[in-house]
Amino acid sequence: MIHHQWENTKTIRSVTCIHTNAKKYKVSGSLTEGKSYELKNETEEFYFVIDNTGKIGGYYKEYFQN
């Protein structure tokens, strides 16, 4: 269960949230537009960042800019 260790792993890079206009799920409570987040892991479709709750969250890449 490697995802339990992501909070302690080295940050890959920083990504900036460009919008919180979600089509299906509410993300405005966890992400702030214009704020930079530490990228801990990524897949083809998702970024895994430490969000406003202080925990790892997986979000579509469309919310971020490198």
PDB file of N, CA and C in Angstrom:
ATOM      1  N   MET A   1       0.822  -1.173   0.000  1.00  0.00           N
ATOM      2  CA  MET A   1       0.000   0.000   0.000  1.00  0.00           C
ATOM      3  C   MET A   1       0.876   1.249   0.000  1.00  0.00           C
ATOM      4  N   ILE A   2       1.460   1.493  -1.134  1.00  0.00           N
ATOM      5  CA  ILE A   2       2.404   2.596  -1.272  1.00  0.00           C
ATOM      6  C   ILE A   2       1.749   3.961  -1.061  1.00  0.00           C
ATOM      7  N   HIS A   3       0.454   4.093  -1.329  1.00  0.00           N
ATOM      8  CA  HIS A   3      -0.209   5.387  -1.193  1.00  0.00           C
ATOM      9  C   HIS A   3      -0.224   5.891   0.250  1.00  0.00           C
ATOM     10  N   HIS A   4      -0.019   5.029   1.227  1.00  0.00           N
ATOM     11  CA  HIS A   4       0.048   5.456   2.623  1.00  0.00           C
ATOM     12  C   HIS A   4       1.351   6.200   2.920  1.00  0.00           C
ATOM     13  N   GLN A   5       2.352   6.061   2.064  1.00  0.00           N
ATOM     14  CA  GLN A   5       3.654   6.678   2.276  1.00  0.00           C
ATOM     15  C   GLN A   5       3.863   7.938   1.430  1.00  0.00           C
ATOM     16  N   TRP A   6       2.921   8.305   0.579  1.00  0.00           N
ATOM     17  CA  TRP A   6       3.096   9.431  -0.327  1.00  0.00           C
ATOM     18  C   TRP A   6       3.309  10.756   0.396  1.00  0.00           C
ATOM     19  N   GLU A   7       2.689  10.949   1.543  1.00  0.00           N
ATOM     20  CA  GLU A   7       2.841  12.212   2.267  1.00  0.00           C
ATOM     21  C   GLU A   7       4.290  12.442   2.671  1.00  0.00           C
ATOM     22  N   ASN A   8       5.035  11.372   2.897  1.00  0.00           N
ATOM     23  CA  ASN A   8       6.418  11.467   3.347  1.00  0.00           C
ATOM     24  C   ASN A   8       7.439  11.380   2.216  1.00  0.00           C
ATOM     25  N   THR A   9       6.995  11.129   0.990  1.00  0.00           N
ATOM     26  CA  THR A   9       7.925  11.008  -0.126  1.00  0.00           C
ATOM     27  C   THR A   9       8.346  12.384  -0.633  1.00  0.00           C
ATOM     28  N   LYS A  10       9.399  12.378  -1.420  1.00  0.00           N
ATOM     29  CA  LYS A  10       9.916  13.610  -1.999  1.00  0.00           C
ATOM     30  C   LYS A  10       8.911  14.182  -3.003  1.00  0.00           C
ATOM     31  N   THR A  11       8.761  15.500  -3.005  1.00  0.00           N
ATOM     32  CA  THR A  11       7.860  16.172  -3.941  1.00  0.00           C
ATOM     33  C   THR A  11       8.446  16.115  -5.348  1.00  0.00           C
ATOM     34  N   ILE A  12       7.635  15.727  -6.326  1.00  0.00           N
ATOM     35  CA  ILE A  12       8.081  15.637  -7.719  1.00  0.00           C
ATOM     36  C   ILE A  12       8.274  17.034  -8.292  1.00  0.00           C
ATOM     37  N   ARG A  13       7.249  17.860  -8.145  1.00  0.00           N
ATOM     38  CA  ARG A  13       7.280  19.259  -8.573  1.00  0.00           C
ATOM     39  C   ARG A  13       6.055  19.952  -7.999  1.00  0.00           C
ATOM     40  N   SER A  14       5.935  21.206  -8.263  1.00  0.00           N
ATOM     41  CA  SER A  14       4.797  21.973  -7.784  1.00  0.00           C
ATOM     42  C   SER A  14       3.850  22.234  -8.955  1.00  0.00           C
ATOM     43  N   VAL A  15       2.549  22.104  -8.719  1.00  0.00           N
ATOM     44  CA  VAL A  15       1.546  22.395  -9.738  1.00  0.00           C
ATOM     45  C   VAL A  15       0.581  23.433  -9.178  1.00  0.00           C
ATOM     46  N   THR A  16       0.039  24.272 -10.060  1.00  0.00           N
ATOM     47  CA  THR A  16      -0.866  25.342  -9.656  1.00  0.00           C
ATOM     48  C   THR A  16      -2.282  25.027 -10.101  1.00  0.00           C
ATOM     49  N   CYS A  17      -3.222  25.206  -9.203  1.00  0.00           N
ATOM     50  CA  CYS A  17      -4.635  24.989  -9.524  1.00  0.00           C
ATOM     51  C   CYS A  17      -5.125  26.165 -10.378  1.00  0.00           C
ATOM     52  N   ILE A  18      -5.708  25.876 -11.545  1.00  0.00           N
ATOM     53  CA  ILE A  18      -6.168  26.940 -12.429  1.00  0.00           C
ATOM     54  C   ILE A  18      -7.680  27.150 -12.371  1.00  0.00           C
ATOM     55  N   HIS A  19      -8.422  26.140 -11.902  1.00  0.00           N
ATOM     56  CA  HIS A  19      -9.870  26.313 -11.712  1.00  0.00           C
ATOM     57  C   HIS A  19     -10.412  25.206 -10.815  1.00  0.00           C
ATOM     58  N   THR A  20     -11.594  25.435 -10.264  1.00  0.00           N
ATOM     59  CA  THR A  20     -12.253  24.425  -9.428  1.00  0.00           C
ATOM     60  C   THR A  20     -13.659  24.141  -9.946  1.00  0.00           C
ATOM     61  N   ASN A  21     -13.890  24.371 -11.228  1.00  0.00           N
ATOM     62  CA  ASN A  21     -15.192  24.136 -11.848  1.00  0.00           C
ATOM     63  C   ASN A  21     -15.348  22.674 -12.217  1.00  0.00           C
ATOM     64  N   ALA A  22     -15.681  21.867 -11.254  1.00  0.00           N
ATOM     65  CA  ALA A  22     -15.810  20.429 -11.477  1.00  0.00           C
ATOM     66  C   ALA A  22     -17.145  20.115 -12.135  1.00  0.00           C
ATOM     67  N   LYS A  23     -17.133  19.149 -13.031  1.00  0.00           N
ATOM     68  CA  LYS A  23     -18.352  18.721 -13.702  1.00  0.00           C
ATOM     69  C   LYS A  23     -19.184  17.798 -12.827  1.00  0.00           C
ATOM     70  N   LYS A  24     -18.510  16.934 -12.066  1.00  0.00           N
ATOM     71  CA  LYS A  24     -19.229  15.907 -11.334  1.00  0.00           C
ATOM     72  C   LYS A  24     -19.054  16.003  -9.825  1.00  0.00           C
ATOM     73  N   TYR A  25     -17.838  16.318  -9.362  1.00  0.00           N
ATOM     74  CA  TYR A  25     -17.557  16.328  -7.928  1.00  0.00           C
ATOM     75  C   TYR A  25     -17.187  17.730  -7.466  1.00  0.00           C
ATOM     76  N   LYS A  26     -17.468  18.030  -6.229  1.00  0.00           N
ATOM     77  CA  LYS A  26     -17.126  19.328  -5.656  1.00  0.00           C
ATOM     78  C   LYS A  26     -15.667  19.297  -5.199  1.00  0.00           C
ATOM     79  N   VAL A  27     -14.819  20.136  -5.782  1.00  0.00           N
ATOM     80  CA  VAL A  27     -13.414  20.198  -5.407  1.00  0.00           C
ATOM     81  C   VAL A  27     -13.038  21.537  -4.786  1.00  0.00           C
ATOM     82  N   SER A  28     -13.957  22.485  -4.780  1.00  0.00           N
ATOM     83  CA  SER A  28     -13.638  23.819  -4.258  1.00  0.00           C
ATOM     84  C   SER A  28     -13.356  23.804  -2.760  1.00  0.00           C
ATOM     85  N   GLY A  29     -13.782  22.788  -2.042  1.00  0.00           N
ATOM     86  CA  GLY A  29     -13.486  22.676  -0.621  1.00  0.00           C
ATOM     87  C   GLY A  29     -12.091  22.146  -0.346  1.00  0.00           C
ATOM     88  N   SER A  30     -11.485  21.511  -1.355  1.00  0.00           N
ATOM     89  CA  SER A  30     -10.162  20.907  -1.183  1.00  0.00           C
ATOM     90  C   SER A  30      -9.062  21.615  -1.954  1.00  0.00           C
ATOM     91  N   LEU A  31      -9.437  22.340  -3.002  1.00  0.00           N
ATOM     92  CA  LEU A  31      -8.460  23.061  -3.820  1.00  0.00           C
ATOM     93  C   LEU A  31      -8.818  24.540  -3.852  1.00  0.00           C
ATOM     94  N   THR A  32      -7.802  25.384  -3.984  1.00  0.00           N
ATOM     95  CA  THR A  32      -8.007  26.819  -4.091  1.00  0.00           C
ATOM     96  C   THR A  32      -7.409  27.289  -5.400  1.00  0.00           C
ATOM     97  N   GLU A  33      -8.200  27.999  -6.176  1.00  0.00           N
ATOM     98  CA  GLU A  33      -7.744  28.496  -7.465  1.00  0.00           C
ATOM     99  C   GLU A  33      -6.569  29.457  -7.273  1.00  0.00           C
ATOM    100  N   GLY A  34      -5.491  29.228  -8.023  1.00  0.00           N
ATOM    101  CA  GLY A  34      -4.312  30.068  -7.946  1.00  0.00           C
ATOM    102  C   GLY A  34      -3.259  29.606  -6.947  1.00  0.00           C
ATOM    103  N   LYS A  35      -3.582  28.622  -6.130  1.00  0.00           N
ATOM    104  CA  LYS A  35      -2.641  28.117  -5.127  1.00  0.00           C
ATOM    105  C   LYS A  35      -1.785  26.993  -5.717  1.00  0.00           C
ATOM    106  N   SER A  36      -0.533  26.922  -5.290  1.00  0.00           N
ATOM    107  CA  SER A  36       0.374  25.855  -5.723  1.00  0.00           C
ATOM    108  C   SER A  36       0.330  24.698  -4.735  1.00  0.00           C
ATOM    109  N   TYR A  37       0.412  23.495  -5.268  1.00  0.00           N
ATOM    110  CA  TYR A  37       0.357  22.277  -4.464  1.00  0.00           C
ATOM    111  C   TYR A  37       1.546  21.395  -4.774  1.00  0.00           C
ATOM    112  N   GLU A  38       1.981  20.638  -3.766  1.00  0.00           N
ATOM    113  CA  GLU A  38       3.091  19.701  -3.931  1.00  0.00           C
ATOM    114  C   GLU A  38       2.598  18.435  -4.613  1.00  0.00           C
ATOM    115  N   LEU A  39       3.171  18.111  -5.761  1.00  0.00           N
ATOM    116  CA  LEU A  39       2.807  16.906  -6.504  1.00  0.00           C
ATOM    117  C   LEU A  39       3.599  15.732  -5.949  1.00  0.00           C
ATOM    118  N   LYS A  40       2.896  14.724  -5.450  1.00  0.00           N
ATOM    119  CA  LYS A  40       3.546  13.560  -4.857  1.00  0.00           C
ATOM    120  C   LYS A  40       3.576  12.355  -5.782  1.00  0.00           C
ATOM    121  N   ASN A  41       2.576  12.237  -6.667  1.00  0.00           N
ATOM    122  CA  ASN A  41       2.519  11.123  -7.611  1.00  0.00           C
ATOM    123  C   ASN A  41       1.580  11.522  -8.740  1.00  0.00           C
ATOM    124  N   GLU A  42       1.726  10.881  -9.892  1.00  0.00           N
ATOM    125  CA  GLU A  42       0.823  11.154 -11.006  1.00  0.00           C
ATOM    126  C   GLU A  42       0.614   9.912 -11.850  1.00  0.00           C
ATOM    127  N   THR A  43      -0.539   9.873 -12.503  1.00  0.00           N
ATOM    128  CA  THR A  43      -0.856   8.836 -13.473  1.00  0.00           C
ATOM    129  C   THR A  43      -1.201   9.553 -14.776  1.00  0.00           C
ATOM    130  N   GLU A  44      -1.661   8.819 -15.766  1.00  0.00           N
ATOM    131  CA  GLU A  44      -2.038   9.439 -17.030  1.00  0.00           C
ATOM    132  C   GLU A  44      -3.178  10.433 -16.863  1.00  0.00           C
ATOM    133  N   GLU A  45      -4.054  10.190 -15.906  1.00  0.00           N
ATOM    134  CA  GLU A  45      -5.267  10.991 -15.760  1.00  0.00           C
ATOM    135  C   GLU A  45      -5.306  11.860 -14.497  1.00  0.00           C
ATOM    136  N   PHE A  46      -4.560  11.486 -13.460  1.00  0.00           N
ATOM    137  CA  PHE A  46      -4.663  12.153 -12.167  1.00  0.00           C
ATOM    138  C   PHE A  46      -3.333  12.677 -11.649  1.00  0.00           C
ATOM    139  N   TYR A  47      -3.436  13.760 -10.843  1.00  0.00           N
ATOM    140  CA  TYR A  47      -2.340  14.231 -10.003  1.00  0.00           C
ATOM    141  C   TYR A  47      -2.720  13.920  -8.572  1.00  0.00           C
ATOM    142  N   PHE A  48      -1.763  13.474  -7.784  1.00  0.00           N
ATOM    143  CA  PHE A  48      -1.975  13.227  -6.365  1.00  0.00           C
ATOM    144  C   PHE A  48      -1.187  14.282  -5.606  1.00  0.00           C
ATOM    145  N   VAL A  49      -1.897  15.184  -4.944  1.00  0.00           N
ATOM    146  CA  VAL A  49      -1.289  16.329  -4.268  1.00  0.00           C
ATOM    147  C   VAL A  49      -1.733  16.374  -2.813  1.00  0.00           C
ATOM    148  N   ILE A  50      -0.986  17.128  -2.019  1.00  0.00           N
ATOM    149  CA  ILE A  50      -1.443  17.415  -0.658  1.00  0.00           C
ATOM    150  C   ILE A  50      -2.361  18.622  -0.778  1.00  0.00           C
ATOM    151  N   ASP A  51      -3.653  18.406  -0.541  1.00  0.00           N
ATOM    152  CA  ASP A  51      -4.645  19.456  -0.758  1.00  0.00           C
ATOM    153  C   ASP A  51      -4.850  20.308   0.504  1.00  0.00           C
ATOM    154  N   ASN A  52      -5.893  21.132   0.507  1.00  0.00           N
ATOM    155  CA  ASN A  52      -6.159  22.049   1.619  1.00  0.00           C
ATOM    156  C   ASN A  52      -6.484  21.333   2.923  1.00  0.00           C
ATOM    157  N   THR A  53      -6.851  20.069   2.864  1.00  0.00           N
ATOM    158  CA  THR A  53      -7.162  19.316   4.084  1.00  0.00           C
ATOM    159  C   THR A  53      -5.896  18.798   4.750  1.00  0.00           C
ATOM    160  N   GLY A  54      -4.758  18.900   4.051  1.00  0.00           N
ATOM    161  CA  GLY A  54      -3.495  18.406   4.581  1.00  0.00           C
ATOM    162  C   GLY A  54      -3.244  16.942   4.293  1.00  0.00           C
ATOM    163  N   LYS A  55      -4.116  16.340   3.502  1.00  0.00           N
ATOM    164  CA  LYS A  55      -3.978  14.932   3.147  1.00  0.00           C
ATOM    165  C   LYS A  55      -3.784  14.795   1.645  1.00  0.00           C
ATOM    166  N   ILE A  56      -3.394  13.609   1.208  1.00  0.00           N
ATOM    167  CA  ILE A  56      -3.228  13.338  -0.220  1.00  0.00           C
ATOM    168  C   ILE A  56      -4.599  13.200  -0.875  1.00  0.00           C
ATOM    169  N   GLY A  57      -4.774  13.877  -1.991  1.00  0.00           N
ATOM    170  CA  GLY A  57      -5.998  13.767  -2.768  1.00  0.00           C
ATOM    171  C   GLY A  57      -5.655  13.569  -4.229  1.00  0.00           C
ATOM    172  N   GLY A  58      -6.457  12.791  -4.937  1.00  0.00           N
ATOM    173  CA  GLY A  58      -6.264  12.561  -6.364  1.00  0.00           C
ATOM    174  C   GLY A  58      -7.243  13.399  -7.155  1.00  0.00           C
ATOM    175  N   TYR A  59      -6.733  14.200  -8.084  1.00  0.00           N
ATOM    176  CA  TYR A  59      -7.566  15.113  -8.866  1.00  0.00           C
ATOM    177  C   TYR A  59      -7.207  15.007 -10.336  1.00  0.00           C
ATOM    178  N   TYR A  60      -8.209  15.233 -11.196  1.00  0.00           N
ATOM    179  CA  TYR A  60      -7.952  15.239 -12.643  1.00  0.00           C
ATOM    180  C   TYR A  60      -6.913  16.298 -12.973  1.00  0.00           C
ATOM    181  N   LYS A  61      -6.097  16.011 -13.958  1.00  0.00           N
ATOM    182  CA  LYS A  61      -5.046  16.941 -14.373  1.00  0.00           C
ATOM    183  C   LYS A  61      -5.604  18.248 -14.920  1.00  0.00           C
ATOM    184  N   GLU A  62      -6.854  18.243 -15.356  1.00  0.00           N
ATOM    185  CA  GLU A  62      -7.450  19.445 -15.954  1.00  0.00           C
ATOM    186  C   GLU A  62      -7.570  20.614 -14.961  1.00  0.00           C
ATOM    187  N   TYR A  63      -7.456  20.360 -13.685  1.00  0.00           N
ATOM    188  CA  TYR A  63      -7.545  21.422 -12.677  1.00  0.00           C
ATOM    189  C   TYR A  63      -6.219  22.133 -12.463  1.00  0.00           C
ATOM    190  N   PHE A  64      -5.140  21.637 -13.053  1.00  0.00           N
ATOM    191  CA  PHE A  64      -3.795  22.136 -12.732  1.00  0.00           C
ATOM    192  C   PHE A  64      -3.016  22.568 -13.970  1.00  0.00           C
ATOM    193  N   GLN A  65      -2.010  23.385 -13.689  1.00  0.00           N
ATOM    194  CA  GLN A  65      -1.038  23.820 -14.683  1.00  0.00           C
ATOM    195  C   GLN A  65       0.340  23.601 -14.084  1.00  0.00           C
ATOM    196  N   ASN A  66       1.270  23.143 -14.872  1.00  0.00           N
ATOM    197  CA  ASN A  66       2.634  22.913 -14.365  1.00  0.00           C
ATOM    198  C   ASN A  66       3.313  24.208 -14.022  1.00  0.00           C
TER     199      ASN A  66
END
